[in-house]
Amino acid sequence: MTPISVFDRIAQVKAAKATTVALDRSRQRFSQSPCARGFTLLELMLVLAIVAMASLVVFPNIGGLETRTFNARVREAHTLLNLARRTAVVSGQPSIASFSVVPVEDQEQPVLSSFSVGQWDGTGIELTFQDSADQEIEVQDLLEITFYPEGGSTGGSLMLVYQDRLASIVINPFTGRVETEFLDER
């Protein structure tokens, strides 16, 4: 090696050492103060996921409970009507499904027929009945719908209203078939 190339080689080694020392110092500076580094994307996403799960628990759907309760009450009415229909066909005798909008504790002692299969309590729900002749009456106390052994019924439509929710239960007078429809689907 010539003397010039030796000096070039020494200069290259010194430059490499200086660069390494500078990188080491910058790494030490960041590793010495973890607060100055900031957050990684993974950490931010994890925190957002935790906040989202907490909001589902802390802030449930306002009004959702009333909607679920109303839907359950409508399904109970539908089930009672189907029970009365099946009971009439199987037993060979008429059966009656009763609907009451008066709270149980405020009712006089009801005189239920021996053909009654059950009574639906519609406390707090506005109930309107439209019979097969299209006469509409608002139920104030008790409504009875009769199903006959051959499958028919007194028929009609029940309109159930609770706050801003509306449901319709249609009873076919010829077949006794019961169909429910929620008219304000959300």
N, C-alpha and C. Protein backbone atom coordinates (compact mmCIF):
# COMPACT_ATOMS: atom_id res chain seq x y z
N MET A 1 0.83 -1.16 0.00
CA MET A 1 0.00 0.00 0.00
C MET A 1 0.88 1.23 0.00
N THR A 2 0.37 2.18 -0.70
CA THR A 2 1.11 3.45 -0.76
C THR A 2 0.72 4.29 0.44
N PRO A 3 1.56 5.25 0.77
CA PRO A 3 1.25 6.09 1.94
C PRO A 3 -0.05 6.85 1.77
N ILE A 4 -0.42 7.22 0.56
CA ILE A 4 -1.66 7.97 0.36
C ILE A 4 -2.85 7.07 0.61
N SER A 5 -2.79 5.84 0.13
CA SER A 5 -3.90 4.94 0.33
C SER A 5 -4.06 4.57 1.80
N VAL A 6 -2.97 4.57 2.56
CA VAL A 6 -3.06 4.30 3.99
C VAL A 6 -3.82 5.43 4.67
N PHE A 7 -3.49 6.67 4.27
CA PHE A 7 -4.19 7.81 4.87
C PHE A 7 -5.68 7.81 4.49
N ASP A 8 -5.99 7.41 3.25
CA ASP A 8 -7.39 7.32 2.83
C ASP A 8 -8.13 6.27 3.66
N ARG A 9 -7.47 5.17 3.87
CA ARG A 9 -8.09 4.09 4.64
C ARG A 9 -8.32 4.54 6.07
N ILE A 10 -7.39 5.24 6.67
CA ILE A 10 -7.54 5.73 8.04
C ILE A 10 -8.69 6.74 8.10
N ALA A 11 -8.81 7.59 7.11
CA ALA A 11 -9.88 8.59 7.07
C ALA A 11 -11.24 7.91 6.94
N GLN A 12 -11.30 6.86 6.14
CA GLN A 12 -12.56 6.14 5.98
C GLN A 12 -12.98 5.48 7.29
N VAL A 13 -12.03 4.89 7.99
CA VAL A 13 -12.34 4.23 9.27
C VAL A 13 -12.81 5.26 10.28
N LYS A 14 -12.14 6.43 10.34
CA LYS A 14 -12.54 7.48 11.28
C LYS A 14 -13.94 7.99 10.95
N ALA A 15 -14.25 8.14 9.66
CA ALA A 15 -15.58 8.61 9.26
C ALA A 15 -16.65 7.59 9.65
N ALA A 16 -16.35 6.31 9.46
CA ALA A 16 -17.30 5.26 9.82
C ALA A 16 -17.53 5.26 11.33
N LYS A 17 -16.44 5.43 12.12
CA LYS A 17 -16.58 5.47 13.58
C LYS A 17 -17.41 6.67 14.00
N ALA A 18 -17.21 7.81 13.37
CA ALA A 18 -17.95 9.02 13.72
C ALA A 18 -19.44 8.83 13.43
N THR A 19 -19.76 8.22 12.31
CA THR A 19 -21.16 7.97 11.96
C THR A 19 -21.78 7.02 12.95
N THR A 20 -21.07 5.96 13.32
CA THR A 20 -21.58 4.99 14.28
C THR A 20 -21.80 5.65 15.63
N VAL A 21 -20.86 6.48 16.06
CA VAL A 21 -20.98 7.18 17.34
C VAL A 21 -22.19 8.11 17.32
N ALA A 22 -22.40 8.81 16.20
CA ALA A 22 -23.54 9.73 16.08
C ALA A 22 -24.86 8.96 16.15
N LEU A 23 -24.94 7.81 15.46
CA LEU A 23 -26.15 6.99 15.51
C LEU A 23 -26.39 6.44 16.90
N ASP A 24 -25.31 5.99 17.55
CA ASP A 24 -25.45 5.47 18.91
C ASP A 24 -25.96 6.55 19.86
N ARG A 25 -25.44 7.78 19.70
CA ARG A 25 -25.89 8.87 20.57
C ARG A 25 -27.37 9.20 20.34
N SER A 26 -27.81 9.17 19.08
CA SER A 26 -29.22 9.47 18.81
C SER A 26 -30.11 8.35 19.35
N ARG A 27 -29.67 7.11 19.25
CA ARG A 27 -30.43 6.00 19.81
C ARG A 27 -30.51 6.11 21.32
N GLN A 28 -29.39 6.47 21.94
CA GLN A 28 -29.38 6.63 23.39
C GLN A 28 -30.32 7.75 23.81
N ARG A 29 -30.34 8.83 23.04
CA ARG A 29 -31.20 9.96 23.40
C ARG A 29 -32.67 9.52 23.38
N PHE A 30 -33.08 8.73 22.35
CA PHE A 30 -34.47 8.28 22.29
C PHE A 30 -34.76 7.20 23.32
N SER A 31 -33.81 6.34 23.57
CA SER A 31 -34.07 5.28 24.53
C SER A 31 -34.02 5.78 25.96
N GLN A 32 -33.35 6.92 26.19
CA GLN A 32 -33.28 7.45 27.55
C GLN A 32 -34.59 8.14 27.94
N SER A 33 -35.34 8.69 27.01
CA SER A 33 -36.60 9.36 27.36
C SER A 33 -37.75 8.72 26.57
N PRO A 34 -38.36 7.69 27.13
CA PRO A 34 -39.44 7.01 26.42
C PRO A 34 -40.67 7.90 26.23
N CYS A 35 -40.84 8.93 27.04
CA CYS A 35 -42.00 9.82 26.89
C CYS A 35 -41.90 10.64 25.62
N ALA A 36 -40.70 10.88 25.15
CA ALA A 36 -40.52 11.71 23.96
C ALA A 36 -40.77 10.93 22.68
N ARG A 37 -40.91 9.61 22.76
CA ARG A 37 -41.07 8.80 21.55
C ARG A 37 -42.46 8.93 20.93
N GLY A 38 -43.53 9.08 21.72
CA GLY A 38 -44.90 9.11 21.20
C GLY A 38 -45.52 7.72 21.24
N PHE A 39 -46.65 7.56 20.54
CA PHE A 39 -47.37 6.30 20.53
C PHE A 39 -47.23 5.61 19.19
N THR A 40 -47.24 4.29 19.24
CA THR A 40 -47.22 3.55 17.99
C THR A 40 -48.66 3.41 17.50
N LEU A 41 -48.82 3.06 16.26
CA LEU A 41 -50.15 2.87 15.69
C LEU A 41 -50.89 1.74 16.41
N LEU A 42 -50.17 0.70 16.77
CA LEU A 42 -50.77 -0.42 17.48
C LEU A 42 -51.34 0.03 18.82
N GLU A 43 -50.59 0.84 19.55
CA GLU A 43 -51.07 1.33 20.84
C GLU A 43 -52.31 2.19 20.67
N LEU A 44 -52.33 3.04 19.67
CA LEU A 44 -53.50 3.89 19.43
C LEU A 44 -54.73 3.05 19.07
N MET A 45 -54.54 2.04 18.24
CA MET A 45 -55.67 1.19 17.84
C MET A 45 -56.20 0.40 19.03
N LEU A 46 -55.31 -0.05 19.90
CA LEU A 46 -55.72 -0.79 21.08
C LEU A 46 -56.56 0.10 22.00
N VAL A 47 -56.13 1.32 22.22
CA VAL A 47 -56.88 2.24 23.07
C VAL A 47 -58.25 2.54 22.46
N LEU A 48 -58.31 2.75 21.15
CA LEU A 48 -59.59 3.02 20.50
C LEU A 48 -60.53 1.82 20.61
N ALA A 49 -60.00 0.62 20.51
CA ALA A 49 -60.83 -0.58 20.65
C ALA A 49 -61.39 -0.69 22.06
N ILE A 50 -60.59 -0.39 23.06
CA ILE A 50 -61.05 -0.44 24.45
C ILE A 50 -62.13 0.61 24.69
N VAL A 51 -61.94 1.81 24.17
CA VAL A 51 -62.94 2.87 24.32
C VAL A 51 -64.24 2.47 23.63
N ALA A 52 -64.16 1.87 22.47
CA ALA A 52 -65.37 1.44 21.76
C ALA A 52 -66.13 0.38 22.55
N MET A 53 -65.43 -0.59 23.12
CA MET A 53 -66.09 -1.63 23.91
C MET A 53 -66.71 -1.03 25.17
N ALA A 54 -66.02 -0.10 25.80
CA ALA A 54 -66.55 0.53 27.00
C ALA A 54 -67.80 1.34 26.68
N SER A 55 -67.83 1.98 25.54
CA SER A 55 -69.01 2.78 25.18
C SER A 55 -70.22 1.89 24.93
N LEU A 56 -70.00 0.67 24.46
CA LEU A 56 -71.12 -0.24 24.27
C LEU A 56 -71.73 -0.65 25.60
N VAL A 57 -70.92 -0.75 26.62
CA VAL A 57 -71.41 -1.13 27.94
C VAL A 57 -72.00 0.07 28.67
N VAL A 58 -71.33 1.20 28.60
CA VAL A 58 -71.74 2.37 29.37
C VAL A 58 -72.94 3.07 28.75
N PHE A 59 -72.99 3.18 27.44
CA PHE A 59 -74.06 3.91 26.77
C PHE A 59 -74.92 2.97 25.94
N PRO A 60 -75.78 2.17 26.58
CA PRO A 60 -76.63 1.28 25.79
C PRO A 60 -77.64 2.10 24.99
N ASN A 61 -78.25 1.45 24.06
CA ASN A 61 -79.22 2.11 23.18
C ASN A 61 -80.36 2.68 24.01
N ILE A 62 -80.47 3.99 24.03
CA ILE A 62 -81.53 4.65 24.77
C ILE A 62 -82.85 4.30 24.09
N GLY A 63 -83.81 3.86 24.88
CA GLY A 63 -85.10 3.49 24.31
C GLY A 63 -85.14 2.07 23.80
N GLY A 64 -84.05 1.40 23.79
CA GLY A 64 -84.01 0.03 23.30
C GLY A 64 -84.78 -0.93 24.18
N LEU A 65 -84.77 -0.66 25.48
CA LEU A 65 -85.46 -1.55 26.41
C LEU A 65 -86.97 -1.49 26.17
N GLU A 66 -87.52 -0.30 25.96
CA GLU A 66 -88.95 -0.17 25.71
C GLU A 66 -89.33 -0.89 24.42
N THR A 67 -88.49 -0.76 23.41
CA THR A 67 -88.76 -1.41 22.13
C THR A 67 -88.76 -2.92 22.29
N ARG A 68 -87.76 -3.45 23.00
CA ARG A 68 -87.70 -4.90 23.21
C ARG A 68 -88.88 -5.38 24.03
N THR A 69 -89.29 -4.59 25.04
CA THR A 69 -90.43 -4.97 25.86
C THR A 69 -91.70 -4.99 25.03
N PHE A 70 -91.90 -3.97 24.20
CA PHE A 70 -93.09 -3.92 23.34
C PHE A 70 -93.10 -5.10 22.38
N ASN A 71 -91.97 -5.38 21.75
CA ASN A 71 -91.89 -6.51 20.82
C ASN A 71 -92.22 -7.82 21.52
N ALA A 72 -91.74 -7.99 22.74
CA ALA A 72 -92.02 -9.21 23.51
C ALA A 72 -93.51 -9.31 23.83
N ARG A 73 -94.14 -8.19 24.17
CA ARG A 73 -95.57 -8.20 24.49
C ARG A 73 -96.40 -8.54 23.24
N VAL A 74 -95.99 -8.04 22.09
CA VAL A 74 -96.70 -8.36 20.84
C VAL A 74 -96.55 -9.85 20.54
N ARG A 75 -95.34 -10.39 20.74
CA ARG A 75 -95.14 -11.83 20.51
C ARG A 75 -95.98 -12.66 21.48
N GLU A 76 -96.14 -12.20 22.72
CA GLU A 76 -96.99 -12.90 23.69
C GLU A 76 -98.44 -12.95 23.20
N ALA A 77 -98.93 -11.82 22.68
CA ALA A 77 -100.30 -11.78 22.16
C ALA A 77 -100.45 -12.74 20.98
N HIS A 78 -99.48 -12.74 20.09
CA HIS A 78 -99.49 -13.64 18.93
C HIS A 78 -99.50 -15.10 19.40
N THR A 79 -98.67 -15.40 20.37
CA THR A 79 -98.59 -16.77 20.89
C THR A 79 -99.90 -17.20 21.54
N LEU A 80 -100.54 -16.30 22.30
CA LEU A 80 -101.82 -16.62 22.93
C LEU A 80 -102.88 -16.92 21.88
N LEU A 81 -102.91 -16.15 20.82
CA LEU A 81 -103.89 -16.40 19.75
C LEU A 81 -103.63 -17.74 19.07
N ASN A 82 -102.38 -18.07 18.81
CA ASN A 82 -102.06 -19.37 18.20
C ASN A 82 -102.41 -20.52 19.14
N LEU A 83 -102.19 -20.33 20.43
CA LEU A 83 -102.55 -21.35 21.42
C LEU A 83 -104.06 -21.59 21.41
N ALA A 84 -104.82 -20.50 21.38
CA ALA A 84 -106.29 -20.64 21.36
C ALA A 84 -106.74 -21.36 20.10
N ARG A 85 -106.13 -21.05 18.98
CA ARG A 85 -106.48 -21.69 17.71
C ARG A 85 -106.21 -23.19 17.77
N ARG A 86 -105.01 -23.56 18.22
CA ARG A 86 -104.64 -24.98 18.30
C ARG A 86 -105.52 -25.73 19.31
N THR A 87 -105.79 -25.08 20.44
CA THR A 87 -106.61 -25.72 21.47
C THR A 87 -108.01 -26.01 20.92
N ALA A 88 -108.59 -25.08 20.18
CA ALA A 88 -109.93 -25.29 19.61
C ALA A 88 -109.94 -26.46 18.64
N VAL A 89 -108.93 -26.54 17.79
CA VAL A 89 -108.89 -27.61 16.80
C VAL A 89 -108.66 -28.97 17.47
N VAL A 90 -107.75 -29.02 18.43
CA VAL A 90 -107.41 -30.30 19.07
C VAL A 90 -108.53 -30.77 20.00
N SER A 91 -109.11 -29.86 20.78
CA SER A 91 -110.13 -30.27 21.76
C SER A 91 -111.51 -30.44 21.13
N GLY A 92 -111.74 -29.86 19.97
CA GLY A 92 -113.05 -29.97 19.34
C GLY A 92 -114.07 -29.02 19.95
N GLN A 93 -113.63 -28.08 20.76
CA GLN A 93 -114.52 -27.10 21.39
C GLN A 93 -113.97 -25.70 21.13
N PRO A 94 -114.85 -24.70 21.15
CA PRO A 94 -114.35 -23.33 20.95
C PRO A 94 -113.37 -22.95 22.07
N SER A 95 -112.43 -22.10 21.73
CA SER A 95 -111.52 -21.58 22.76
C SER A 95 -111.43 -20.07 22.60
N ILE A 96 -111.19 -19.40 23.72
CA ILE A 96 -111.23 -17.94 23.74
C ILE A 96 -109.89 -17.40 24.23
N ALA A 97 -109.37 -16.41 23.50
CA ALA A 97 -108.19 -15.66 23.93
C ALA A 97 -108.67 -14.30 24.41
N SER A 98 -108.32 -13.93 25.64
CA SER A 98 -108.78 -12.67 26.22
C SER A 98 -107.65 -11.66 26.23
N PHE A 99 -107.99 -10.40 25.94
CA PHE A 99 -107.03 -9.30 25.94
C PHE A 99 -107.53 -8.23 26.88
N SER A 100 -106.70 -7.85 27.83
CA SER A 100 -107.08 -6.83 28.81
C SER A 100 -106.06 -5.70 28.79
N VAL A 101 -106.56 -4.46 28.86
CA VAL A 101 -105.66 -3.30 28.91
C VAL A 101 -105.67 -2.66 30.30
N VAL A 102 -106.42 -3.24 31.22
CA VAL A 102 -106.49 -2.74 32.59
C VAL A 102 -105.49 -3.54 33.43
N PRO A 103 -104.69 -2.86 34.29
CA PRO A 103 -103.76 -3.61 35.14
C PRO A 103 -104.47 -4.67 35.96
N VAL A 104 -103.82 -5.78 36.18
CA VAL A 104 -104.41 -6.92 36.87
C VAL A 104 -104.94 -6.53 38.24
N GLU A 105 -104.19 -5.69 38.98
CA GLU A 105 -104.62 -5.31 40.33
C GLU A 105 -105.84 -4.39 40.32
N ASP A 106 -106.12 -3.71 39.20
CA ASP A 106 -107.28 -2.82 39.10
C ASP A 106 -108.51 -3.52 38.53
N GLN A 107 -108.37 -4.75 38.09
CA GLN A 107 -109.49 -5.46 37.48
C GLN A 107 -110.44 -5.97 38.55
N GLU A 108 -111.72 -5.97 38.18
CA GLU A 108 -112.68 -6.67 39.01
C GLU A 108 -112.41 -8.15 38.80
N GLN A 109 -112.97 -8.98 39.65
CA GLN A 109 -112.76 -10.41 39.49
C GLN A 109 -113.32 -10.82 38.13
N PRO A 110 -112.43 -11.15 37.18
CA PRO A 110 -112.93 -11.48 35.84
C PRO A 110 -113.70 -12.80 35.83
N VAL A 111 -114.76 -12.80 35.04
CA VAL A 111 -115.53 -14.01 34.86
C VAL A 111 -115.09 -14.60 33.53
N LEU A 112 -114.09 -15.47 33.60
CA LEU A 112 -113.55 -16.07 32.39
C LEU A 112 -114.35 -17.32 32.05
N SER A 113 -114.58 -17.50 30.80
CA SER A 113 -115.31 -18.66 30.30
C SER A 113 -114.48 -19.92 30.52
N SER A 114 -115.16 -21.04 30.55
CA SER A 114 -114.44 -22.32 30.68
C SER A 114 -113.66 -22.61 29.40
N PHE A 115 -113.97 -21.90 28.33
CA PHE A 115 -113.27 -22.09 27.07
C PHE A 115 -112.05 -21.17 26.94
N SER A 116 -111.82 -20.33 27.93
CA SER A 116 -110.70 -19.38 27.87
C SER A 116 -109.37 -20.11 28.05
N VAL A 117 -108.41 -19.82 27.17
CA VAL A 117 -107.09 -20.45 27.26
C VAL A 117 -106.07 -19.55 27.94
N GLY A 118 -106.40 -18.29 28.10
CA GLY A 118 -105.48 -17.37 28.75
C GLY A 118 -105.87 -15.93 28.53
N GLN A 119 -105.24 -15.07 29.32
CA GLN A 119 -105.52 -13.64 29.22
C GLN A 119 -104.21 -12.89 29.03
N TRP A 120 -104.18 -12.01 28.04
CA TRP A 120 -103.01 -11.18 27.75
C TRP A 120 -103.16 -9.87 28.48
N ASP A 121 -102.13 -9.47 29.21
CA ASP A 121 -102.14 -8.21 29.96
C ASP A 121 -101.46 -7.14 29.12
N GLY A 122 -102.24 -6.17 28.66
CA GLY A 122 -101.71 -5.11 27.81
C GLY A 122 -101.61 -3.79 28.54
N THR A 123 -101.27 -3.83 29.81
CA THR A 123 -101.16 -2.61 30.60
C THR A 123 -100.18 -1.64 29.94
N GLY A 124 -100.64 -0.41 29.72
CA GLY A 124 -99.79 0.61 29.14
C GLY A 124 -99.78 0.62 27.62
N ILE A 125 -100.42 -0.35 27.01
CA ILE A 125 -100.47 -0.42 25.55
C ILE A 125 -101.87 -0.04 25.09
N GLU A 126 -101.94 0.83 24.11
CA GLU A 126 -103.23 1.21 23.53
C GLU A 126 -103.63 0.12 22.55
N LEU A 127 -104.83 -0.43 22.74
CA LEU A 127 -105.29 -1.56 21.94
C LEU A 127 -106.57 -1.18 21.20
N THR A 128 -106.54 -1.33 19.89
CA THR A 128 -107.71 -1.07 19.05
C THR A 128 -108.03 -2.33 18.28
N PHE A 129 -109.33 -2.66 18.22
CA PHE A 129 -109.77 -3.86 17.51
C PHE A 129 -110.67 -3.47 16.34
N GLN A 130 -110.36 -4.03 15.19
CA GLN A 130 -111.19 -3.83 14.00
C GLN A 130 -111.75 -5.20 13.63
N ASP A 131 -113.08 -5.34 13.73
CA ASP A 131 -113.67 -6.65 13.48
C ASP A 131 -113.80 -6.92 11.98
N SER A 132 -114.37 -8.06 11.65
CA SER A 132 -114.49 -8.49 10.25
C SER A 132 -115.39 -7.57 9.44
N ALA A 133 -116.28 -6.82 10.11
CA ALA A 133 -117.18 -5.88 9.43
C ALA A 133 -116.57 -4.49 9.35
N ASP A 134 -115.29 -4.36 9.62
CA ASP A 134 -114.54 -3.10 9.58
C ASP A 134 -115.01 -2.07 10.60
N GLN A 135 -115.62 -2.51 11.67
CA GLN A 135 -115.97 -1.60 12.76
C GLN A 135 -114.79 -1.56 13.72
N GLU A 136 -114.33 -0.34 14.00
CA GLU A 136 -113.15 -0.18 14.85
C GLU A 136 -113.56 0.28 16.24
N ILE A 137 -113.08 -0.42 17.25
CA ILE A 137 -113.36 -0.03 18.63
C ILE A 137 -112.06 -0.01 19.43
N GLU A 138 -111.97 0.98 20.30
CA GLU A 138 -110.80 1.04 21.19
C GLU A 138 -111.14 0.22 22.43
N VAL A 139 -110.30 -0.72 22.75
CA VAL A 139 -110.54 -1.62 23.87
C VAL A 139 -110.28 -0.86 25.16
N GLN A 140 -111.31 -0.79 26.02
CA GLN A 140 -111.20 -0.08 27.29
C GLN A 140 -110.99 -1.04 28.45
N ASP A 141 -111.48 -2.25 28.31
CA ASP A 141 -111.41 -3.19 29.42
C ASP A 141 -110.95 -4.56 28.95
N LEU A 142 -111.84 -5.31 28.33
CA LEU A 142 -111.55 -6.69 27.96
C LEU A 142 -112.05 -6.98 26.54
N LEU A 143 -111.27 -7.71 25.79
CA LEU A 143 -111.63 -8.13 24.44
C LEU A 143 -111.43 -9.64 24.37
N GLU A 144 -112.42 -10.34 23.80
CA GLU A 144 -112.31 -11.78 23.66
C GLU A 144 -112.40 -12.16 22.18
N ILE A 145 -111.48 -13.00 21.76
CA ILE A 145 -111.49 -13.51 20.39
C ILE A 145 -111.68 -15.02 20.47
N THR A 146 -112.68 -15.50 19.76
CA THR A 146 -113.05 -16.91 19.83
C THR A 146 -112.56 -17.65 18.60
N PHE A 147 -111.99 -18.83 18.84
CA PHE A 147 -111.57 -19.73 17.76
C PHE A 147 -112.45 -20.97 17.82
N TYR A 148 -112.82 -21.48 16.64
CA TYR A 148 -113.76 -22.59 16.54
C TYR A 148 -113.03 -23.86 16.12
N PRO A 149 -113.61 -25.04 16.45
CA PRO A 149 -112.95 -26.32 16.17
C PRO A 149 -112.62 -26.56 14.70
N GLU A 150 -113.41 -26.02 13.78
CA GLU A 150 -113.14 -26.26 12.36
C GLU A 150 -112.02 -25.37 11.83
N GLY A 151 -111.46 -24.49 12.68
CA GLY A 151 -110.32 -23.67 12.30
C GLY A 151 -110.63 -22.20 12.13
N GLY A 152 -111.90 -21.84 12.05
CA GLY A 152 -112.27 -20.44 11.88
C GLY A 152 -112.19 -19.67 13.20
N SER A 153 -112.50 -18.38 13.12
CA SER A 153 -112.47 -17.54 14.32
C SER A 153 -113.40 -16.35 14.12
N THR A 154 -113.54 -15.55 15.17
CA THR A 154 -114.32 -14.32 15.04
C THR A 154 -113.58 -13.34 14.15
N GLY A 155 -112.27 -13.51 14.01
CA GLY A 155 -111.46 -12.71 13.08
C GLY A 155 -111.31 -11.26 13.51
N GLY A 156 -110.59 -10.52 12.69
CA GLY A 156 -110.38 -9.10 12.96
C GLY A 156 -108.90 -8.75 13.02
N SER A 157 -108.67 -7.48 13.36
CA SER A 157 -107.29 -6.99 13.46
C SER A 157 -107.10 -6.28 14.79
N LEU A 158 -105.98 -6.56 15.42
CA LEU A 158 -105.60 -5.87 16.64
C LEU A 158 -104.50 -4.88 16.29
N MET A 159 -104.66 -3.63 16.69
CA MET A 159 -103.62 -2.61 16.52
C MET A 159 -103.09 -2.30 17.91
N LEU A 160 -101.81 -2.55 18.11
CA LEU A 160 -101.18 -2.29 19.40
C LEU A 160 -100.25 -1.08 19.25
N VAL A 161 -100.41 -0.09 20.12
CA VAL A 161 -99.62 1.13 20.05
C VAL A 161 -98.99 1.38 21.42
N TYR A 162 -97.68 1.60 21.41
CA TYR A 162 -96.97 1.97 22.63
C TYR A 162 -95.95 3.04 22.27
N GLN A 163 -96.13 4.23 22.81
CA GLN A 163 -95.30 5.40 22.49
C GLN A 163 -95.30 5.58 20.97
N ASP A 164 -94.18 5.44 20.32
CA ASP A 164 -94.14 5.62 18.87
C ASP A 164 -94.06 4.29 18.12
N ARG A 165 -94.28 3.20 18.82
CA ARG A 165 -94.23 1.87 18.20
C ARG A 165 -95.64 1.42 17.85
N LEU A 166 -95.77 0.74 16.72
CA LEU A 166 -97.07 0.29 16.23
C LEU A 166 -96.94 -1.12 15.66
N ALA A 167 -97.86 -1.98 16.06
CA ALA A 167 -97.87 -3.36 15.55
C ALA A 167 -99.31 -3.75 15.22
N SER A 168 -99.45 -4.64 14.26
CA SER A 168 -100.76 -5.11 13.84
C SER A 168 -100.77 -6.64 13.88
N ILE A 169 -101.82 -7.18 14.48
CA ILE A 169 -102.02 -8.63 14.49
C ILE A 169 -103.33 -8.89 13.76
N VAL A 170 -103.25 -9.61 12.66
CA VAL A 170 -104.44 -9.89 11.84
C VAL A 170 -104.84 -11.34 12.04
N ILE A 171 -106.14 -11.55 12.37
CA ILE A 171 -106.68 -12.89 12.56
C ILE A 171 -107.67 -13.16 11.42
N ASN A 172 -107.36 -14.15 10.60
CA ASN A 172 -108.22 -14.48 9.47
C ASN A 172 -109.48 -15.17 10.00
N PRO A 173 -110.68 -14.67 9.66
CA PRO A 173 -111.90 -15.26 10.20
C PRO A 173 -112.22 -16.65 9.63
N PHE A 174 -111.70 -16.97 8.47
CA PHE A 174 -112.03 -18.26 7.85
C PHE A 174 -111.05 -19.35 8.25
N THR A 175 -109.77 -19.04 8.28
CA THR A 175 -108.76 -20.06 8.60
C THR A 175 -108.26 -19.96 10.03
N GLY A 176 -108.48 -18.83 10.68
CA GLY A 176 -107.97 -18.63 12.04
C GLY A 176 -106.49 -18.31 12.07
N ARG A 177 -105.89 -18.20 10.92
CA ARG A 177 -104.45 -17.92 10.85
C ARG A 177 -104.13 -16.54 11.45
N VAL A 178 -103.03 -16.48 12.21
CA VAL A 178 -102.63 -15.26 12.91
C VAL A 178 -101.34 -14.75 12.29
N GLU A 179 -101.33 -13.47 11.89
CA GLU A 179 -100.14 -12.86 11.30
C GLU A 179 -99.84 -11.55 12.02
N THR A 180 -98.57 -11.34 12.34
CA THR A 180 -98.14 -10.14 13.04
C THR A 180 -97.23 -9.32 12.14
N GLU A 181 -97.42 -8.00 12.21
CA GLU A 181 -96.58 -7.10 11.42
C GLU A 181 -96.25 -5.87 12.27
N PHE A 182 -94.96 -5.54 12.33
CA PHE A 182 -94.54 -4.31 13.00
C PHE A 182 -94.53 -3.21 11.95
N LEU A 183 -95.35 -2.19 12.16
CA LEU A 183 -95.56 -1.17 11.14
C LEU A 183 -94.56 -0.03 11.19
N ASP A 184 -93.74 0.01 12.21
CA ASP A 184 -92.73 1.08 12.31
C ASP A 184 -91.36 0.47 12.48
N GLU A 185 -91.05 -0.49 11.63
CA GLU A 185 -89.79 -1.26 11.71
C GLU A 185 -88.59 -0.35 11.79
N ARG A 186 -87.72 -0.62 12.78
CA ARG A 186 -86.49 0.17 12.97
C ARG A 186 -85.30 -0.71 12.77
